[in-house]
């Protein structure tokens, strides 16, 4: 296989990770003004709207009548809806540091299920790259915390979010084999997740959100648009690549968040950050080398 073709899923996955990383910055800006649950609704609505506006470019009538369509309908209930719910709960219960640390393990769940259900195989170099990437992300996320809080978050919502995100890559790869249209896959999932987020908010709060602060809305809309691009890149990578390669690369999005945060002064460079970045970059290089061989 030509090196260019082999590296296409790598390029698509890293592009998706970059967009998700930027979305994390805009989301942080938005939730400084807007309730996180309301922010999820706005961002999912913006993502769905972006897919809808571009639909004349990619929508095919035949895709509505495939088995893959229903795979992504079901998938939408789990990701992004359930994964976002678990993510928010883990942040509220244990903080963003713990949540980020444990959701970084998503590629492990993705690799395990891909090997088990999709007959994918993993090489020593990919395994080493995956472990280095996860170690780097955990290093970037790590901070002082009590072991009791750490374990409680791990056993509950943070690990649940990692599991759902990992399974999403395996299910997405399977769904795309039945309906090879990454943007349709993203559109279906975002519609289901948007509807589910509204129902969930109504059930938990007894009323629909009102008097949403305007200052946070543009940031959440931008988050949704960036997420739309990230989802498209992710599913495009899964369409032409394997889960064991794509999943650890998608998980590098905190690296892009960190780079942007450093550039705009939201973070300061430390030895821990240098170590984390080095591990992530080393892991990505290992995967790229394997794909180019």
Protein backbone atom coordinates (compact mmCIF):
# COMPACT_ATOMS: atom_id res chain seq x y z
CA UNK A 1 0.00 0.00 0.00
CA UNK A 2 1.41 3.47 -0.87
CA UNK A 3 2.60 5.43 2.15
CA UNK A 4 0.21 8.27 1.30
CA UNK A 5 -2.83 6.00 1.37
CA UNK A 6 -1.66 4.32 4.58
CA UNK A 7 -1.23 7.68 6.30
CA UNK A 8 -4.62 9.08 5.18
CA UNK A 9 -6.50 7.79 8.26
CA UNK A 10 -3.69 9.18 10.43
CA UNK A 11 -4.05 12.63 8.84
CA UNK A 12 -7.85 12.56 9.13
CA UNK A 13 -7.74 11.41 12.76
CA UNK A 14 -5.23 14.10 13.74
CA UNK A 15 -7.32 16.74 11.95
CA UNK A 16 -10.35 15.57 13.92
CA UNK A 17 -8.36 15.66 17.16
CA UNK A 18 -7.28 19.22 16.37
CA UNK A 19 -10.89 20.32 15.87
CA UNK A 20 -11.99 18.57 19.08
CA UNK A 21 -9.09 20.25 20.88
CA UNK A 22 -10.16 23.71 19.71
CA UNK A 23 -13.76 22.86 20.63
CA UNK A 24 -12.62 22.15 24.19
CA UNK A 25 -11.30 25.73 24.41
CA UNK A 26 -14.49 27.33 23.07
CA UNK A 27 -16.56 25.06 25.32
CA UNK A 28 -14.58 26.20 28.34
CA UNK A 29 -15.20 29.81 27.34
CA UNK A 30 -18.92 29.14 26.84
CA UNK A 31 -19.54 27.26 30.10
CA UNK A 32 -18.04 30.19 31.99
CA UNK A 33 -21.37 31.88 31.24
CA UNK A 34 -23.80 29.04 30.41
CA UNK A 35 -24.89 26.05 32.48
CA UNK A 36 -23.01 22.98 31.13
CA UNK A 37 -26.26 21.09 30.44
CA UNK A 38 -27.62 24.04 28.47
CA UNK A 39 -24.27 24.34 26.74
CA UNK A 40 -24.51 20.72 25.57
CA UNK A 41 -27.96 21.39 24.07
CA UNK A 42 -26.73 24.50 22.24
CA UNK A 43 -23.58 22.83 20.92
CA UNK A 44 -25.43 19.70 19.79
CA UNK A 45 -28.04 21.88 18.08
CA UNK A 46 -25.31 23.85 16.30
CA UNK A 47 -23.59 20.64 15.25
CA UNK A 48 -26.85 19.22 13.91
CA UNK A 49 -27.59 22.50 12.13
CA UNK A 50 -24.16 22.54 10.48
CA UNK A 51 -24.69 19.02 9.15
CA UNK A 52 -28.16 19.99 7.91
CA UNK A 53 -26.96 23.12 6.11
CA UNK A 54 -24.29 21.16 4.24
CA UNK A 55 -26.57 18.18 3.51
CA UNK A 56 -27.06 18.96 -0.21
CA UNK A 57 -23.35 18.18 -0.64
CA UNK A 58 -23.36 14.73 0.93
CA UNK A 59 -26.85 13.36 1.64
CA UNK A 60 -27.96 10.35 -0.42
CA UNK A 61 -31.54 9.08 -0.40
CA UNK A 62 -30.42 5.46 -0.29
CA UNK A 63 -28.62 5.90 3.03
CA UNK A 64 -31.94 6.28 4.87
CA UNK A 65 -32.85 2.68 4.04
CA UNK A 66 -29.67 0.91 5.11
CA UNK A 67 -28.89 -1.10 8.22
CA UNK A 68 -26.08 1.37 8.86
CA UNK A 69 -28.67 4.13 9.34
CA UNK A 70 -30.13 2.28 12.33
CA UNK A 71 -26.69 1.51 13.71
CA UNK A 72 -26.02 5.24 13.97
CA UNK A 73 -29.49 5.94 15.37
CA UNK A 74 -28.73 3.56 18.23
CA UNK A 75 -25.17 4.87 18.48
CA UNK A 76 -26.47 8.44 18.90
CA UNK A 77 -28.07 7.51 22.23
CA UNK A 78 -24.68 6.38 23.53
CA UNK A 79 -22.35 8.85 21.87
CA UNK A 80 -22.40 11.75 22.15
CA UNK A 81 -25.48 11.77 24.45
CA UNK A 82 -24.56 9.20 27.13
CA UNK A 83 -20.85 9.97 26.96
CA UNK A 84 -21.56 13.68 27.51
CA UNK A 85 -23.84 12.87 30.44
CA UNK A 86 -21.15 10.67 32.05
CA UNK A 87 -18.54 13.32 31.32
CA UNK A 88 -20.55 16.11 32.99
CA UNK A 89 -21.35 13.94 36.00
CA UNK A 90 -17.70 12.95 36.45
CA UNK A 91 -16.62 16.61 36.32
CA UNK A 92 -19.29 17.63 38.84
CA UNK A 93 -18.44 14.77 41.23
CA UNK A 94 -14.64 14.64 40.96
CA UNK A 95 -13.42 17.57 38.88
CA UNK A 96 -12.09 17.96 35.36
CA UNK A 97 -8.64 16.58 36.25
CA UNK A 98 -9.91 13.18 37.36
CA UNK A 99 -12.43 13.02 34.53
CA UNK A 100 -9.81 13.79 31.89
CA UNK A 101 -7.38 11.28 33.37
CA UNK A 102 -9.75 8.35 33.18
CA UNK A 103 -11.49 9.18 29.91
CA UNK A 104 -8.02 9.10 28.36
CA UNK A 105 -8.24 5.31 28.57
CA UNK A 106 -10.92 5.20 25.83
CA UNK A 107 -8.47 3.81 23.19
CA UNK A 108 -7.95 0.72 25.35
CA UNK A 109 -11.68 -0.09 25.22
CA UNK A 110 -11.74 0.72 21.50
CA UNK A 111 -8.79 -1.55 20.72
CA UNK A 112 -10.17 -4.43 22.79
CA UNK A 113 -13.63 -4.34 21.18
CA UNK A 114 -12.19 -3.85 17.66
CA UNK A 115 -9.97 -6.90 18.06
CA UNK A 116 -12.83 -8.89 19.56
CA UNK A 117 -15.66 -7.95 17.16
CA UNK A 118 -14.02 -6.58 14.00
CA UNK A 119 -11.13 -9.04 13.73
CA UNK A 120 -8.61 -6.21 13.73
CA UNK A 121 -5.05 -6.93 14.77
CA UNK A 122 -2.59 -4.80 16.70
CA UNK A 123 1.16 -4.67 16.14
CA UNK A 124 3.83 -4.10 18.75
CA UNK A 125 4.48 -0.60 17.39
CA UNK A 126 0.80 0.38 17.46
CA UNK A 127 0.45 -1.03 20.99
CA UNK A 128 3.50 0.93 22.14
CA UNK A 129 2.23 4.09 20.45
CA UNK A 130 -1.21 3.68 22.03
CA UNK A 131 0.19 3.18 25.53
CA UNK A 132 2.57 6.13 25.12
CA UNK A 133 -0.29 8.34 23.93
CA UNK A 134 -2.51 7.35 26.85
CA UNK A 135 0.37 7.87 29.30
CA UNK A 136 0.98 11.30 27.81
CA UNK A 137 -2.66 12.34 28.06
CA UNK A 138 -2.83 11.16 31.67
CA UNK A 139 0.36 13.11 32.40
CA UNK A 140 -1.16 16.24 30.87
CA UNK A 141 -4.36 15.75 32.92
CA UNK A 142 -2.80 14.67 36.20
CA UNK A 143 -2.91 16.82 39.30
CA UNK A 144 -3.03 16.53 43.10
CA UNK A 145 -6.04 14.52 44.22
CA UNK A 146 -7.09 12.11 46.93
CA UNK A 147 -7.07 8.40 46.14
CA UNK A 148 -10.65 7.97 47.40
CA UNK A 149 -11.99 10.60 45.03
CA UNK A 150 -9.85 9.20 42.24
CA UNK A 151 -11.17 5.66 42.61
CA UNK A 152 -14.77 6.78 43.02
CA UNK A 153 -14.62 8.73 39.77
CA UNK A 154 -12.85 5.89 38.00
CA UNK A 155 -15.45 3.32 39.03
CA UNK A 156 -18.39 5.53 38.16
CA UNK A 157 -18.85 8.13 35.49
CA UNK A 158 -15.36 8.83 34.16
CA UNK A 159 -14.74 5.22 33.28
CA UNK A 160 -18.27 5.05 31.86
CA UNK A 161 -17.46 7.96 29.54
CA UNK A 162 -14.24 6.25 28.43
CA UNK A 163 -16.07 3.00 27.76
CA UNK A 164 -18.77 4.70 25.67
CA UNK A 165 -16.23 6.71 23.67
CA UNK A 166 -14.16 3.61 23.00
CA UNK A 167 -17.18 1.59 21.91
CA UNK A 168 -18.26 4.46 19.65
CA UNK A 169 -15.19 3.96 17.46
CA UNK A 170 -15.86 0.24 17.07
CA UNK A 171 -19.59 0.72 16.42
CA UNK A 172 -18.83 3.59 14.05
CA UNK A 173 -16.40 1.47 12.05
CA UNK A 174 -19.03 -1.27 11.75
CA UNK A 175 -21.79 1.19 10.82
CA UNK A 176 -19.64 2.75 8.11
CA UNK A 177 -19.11 -0.66 6.54
CA UNK A 178 -22.90 -0.77 6.07
CA UNK A 179 -23.40 2.90 5.19
CA UNK A 180 -20.14 4.46 3.91
CA UNK A 181 -21.12 8.09 4.41
CA UNK A 182 -19.23 9.74 7.33
CA UNK A 183 -21.28 12.95 7.27
CA UNK A 184 -24.58 11.07 7.27
CA UNK A 185 -23.28 9.07 10.22
CA UNK A 186 -22.46 12.28 12.09
CA UNK A 187 -25.79 13.88 11.18
CA UNK A 188 -27.84 10.93 12.46
CA UNK A 189 -25.91 10.72 15.72
CA UNK A 190 -26.18 14.49 16.33
CA UNK A 191 -29.96 14.54 15.68
CA UNK A 192 -30.55 11.71 18.13
CA UNK A 193 -28.21 13.22 20.71
CA UNK A 194 -29.80 16.70 20.39
CA UNK A 195 -33.31 15.32 20.90
CA UNK A 196 -32.12 13.17 23.79
CA UNK A 197 -30.33 16.08 25.48
CA UNK A 198 -33.55 18.14 25.47
CA UNK A 199 -35.57 15.27 26.95
CA UNK A 200 -32.87 14.65 29.57
CA UNK A 201 -32.75 18.30 30.57
CA UNK A 202 -36.54 18.45 30.87
CA UNK A 203 -36.60 15.29 32.99
CA UNK A 204 -33.87 16.50 35.34
CA UNK A 205 -34.92 20.14 35.69
CA UNK A 206 -38.68 20.07 35.18
CA UNK A 207 -38.65 22.84 32.56
CA UNK A 208 -36.83 23.87 29.43
CA UNK A 209 -33.89 26.30 29.78
CA UNK A 210 -34.84 29.96 29.86
CA UNK A 211 -32.92 33.24 30.10
CA UNK A 212 -29.71 31.75 28.71
CA UNK A 213 -26.84 34.28 29.10
CA UNK A 214 -26.05 35.64 25.65
CA UNK A 215 -22.34 35.94 26.38
CA UNK A 216 -21.87 32.17 26.30
CA UNK A 217 -24.08 31.31 23.33
CA UNK A 218 -21.63 32.23 20.50
CA UNK A 219 -18.92 30.09 22.10
CA UNK A 220 -21.23 27.08 22.39
CA UNK A 221 -22.43 27.52 18.80
CA UNK A 222 -18.81 27.60 17.66
CA UNK A 223 -18.17 24.50 19.79
CA UNK A 224 -20.95 22.70 17.93
CA UNK A 225 -19.60 23.72 14.53
CA UNK A 226 -16.09 22.58 15.43
CA UNK A 227 -17.49 19.33 16.81
CA UNK A 228 -19.31 18.77 13.51
CA UNK A 229 -15.97 19.01 11.70
CA UNK A 230 -14.30 16.76 14.25
CA UNK A 231 -16.98 14.09 13.97
CA UNK A 232 -16.73 14.19 10.17
CA UNK A 233 -12.97 13.76 10.37
CA UNK A 234 -13.28 10.96 12.91
CA UNK A 235 -15.79 8.94 10.87
CA UNK A 236 -13.84 9.62 7.67
CA UNK A 237 -10.73 8.21 9.35
CA UNK A 238 -12.66 5.17 10.57
CA UNK A 239 -14.04 4.60 7.07
CA UNK A 240 -10.56 4.25 5.55
CA UNK A 241 -8.58 3.10 8.59
CA UNK A 242 -8.76 0.76 11.54
CA UNK A 243 -9.98 1.41 15.07
CA UNK A 244 -6.66 0.40 16.65
CA UNK A 245 -4.92 3.17 14.66
CA UNK A 246 -7.60 5.88 14.66
CA UNK A 247 -8.75 5.71 18.29
CA UNK A 248 -5.44 6.63 20.01
CA UNK A 249 -4.94 9.47 17.53
CA UNK A 250 -8.41 10.90 18.24
CA UNK A 251 -7.54 10.74 21.93
CA UNK A 252 -4.69 13.22 21.41
CA UNK A 253 -7.13 16.16 21.31
CA UNK A 254 -6.03 17.42 24.79
CA UNK A 255 -2.61 18.07 23.26
CA UNK A 256 -4.14 20.51 20.77
CA UNK A 257 -6.17 22.09 23.57
CA UNK A 258 -2.98 22.57 25.56
CA UNK A 259 -1.05 24.11 22.67
CA UNK A 260 -3.82 26.66 22.08
CA UNK A 261 -4.16 27.35 25.82
CA UNK A 262 -0.41 28.01 26.00
CA UNK A 263 -0.58 30.30 22.97
CA UNK A 264 -3.37 32.46 24.46
CA UNK A 265 -2.01 32.44 27.98
CA UNK A 266 -4.54 30.09 29.60
CA UNK A 267 -1.79 27.64 30.61
CA UNK A 268 1.87 27.93 31.63
CA UNK A 269 4.63 25.62 30.45
CA UNK A 270 5.81 23.17 33.11
CA UNK A 271 7.98 20.05 33.24
CA UNK A 272 4.84 17.91 33.53
CA UNK A 273 3.39 19.43 30.37
CA UNK A 274 6.65 18.91 28.49
CA UNK A 275 6.73 15.26 29.60
CA UNK A 276 3.10 14.73 28.61
CA UNK A 277 3.55 16.34 25.19
CA UNK A 278 6.68 14.28 24.57
CA UNK A 279 4.85 11.03 25.31
CA UNK A 280 1.87 11.92 23.11
CA UNK A 281 4.07 13.02 20.20
CA UNK A 282 6.20 9.89 20.59
CA UNK A 283 3.09 7.71 20.51
CA UNK A 284 1.78 9.42 17.38
CA UNK A 285 5.15 9.06 15.66
CA UNK A 286 5.21 5.34 16.48
CA UNK A 287 1.79 4.84 14.92
CA UNK A 288 2.75 6.89 11.85
CA UNK A 289 5.92 4.85 11.37
CA UNK A 290 3.96 1.61 11.55
CA UNK A 291 1.44 2.82 8.99
CA UNK A 292 4.20 3.97 6.64
CA UNK A 293 6.07 0.64 6.72
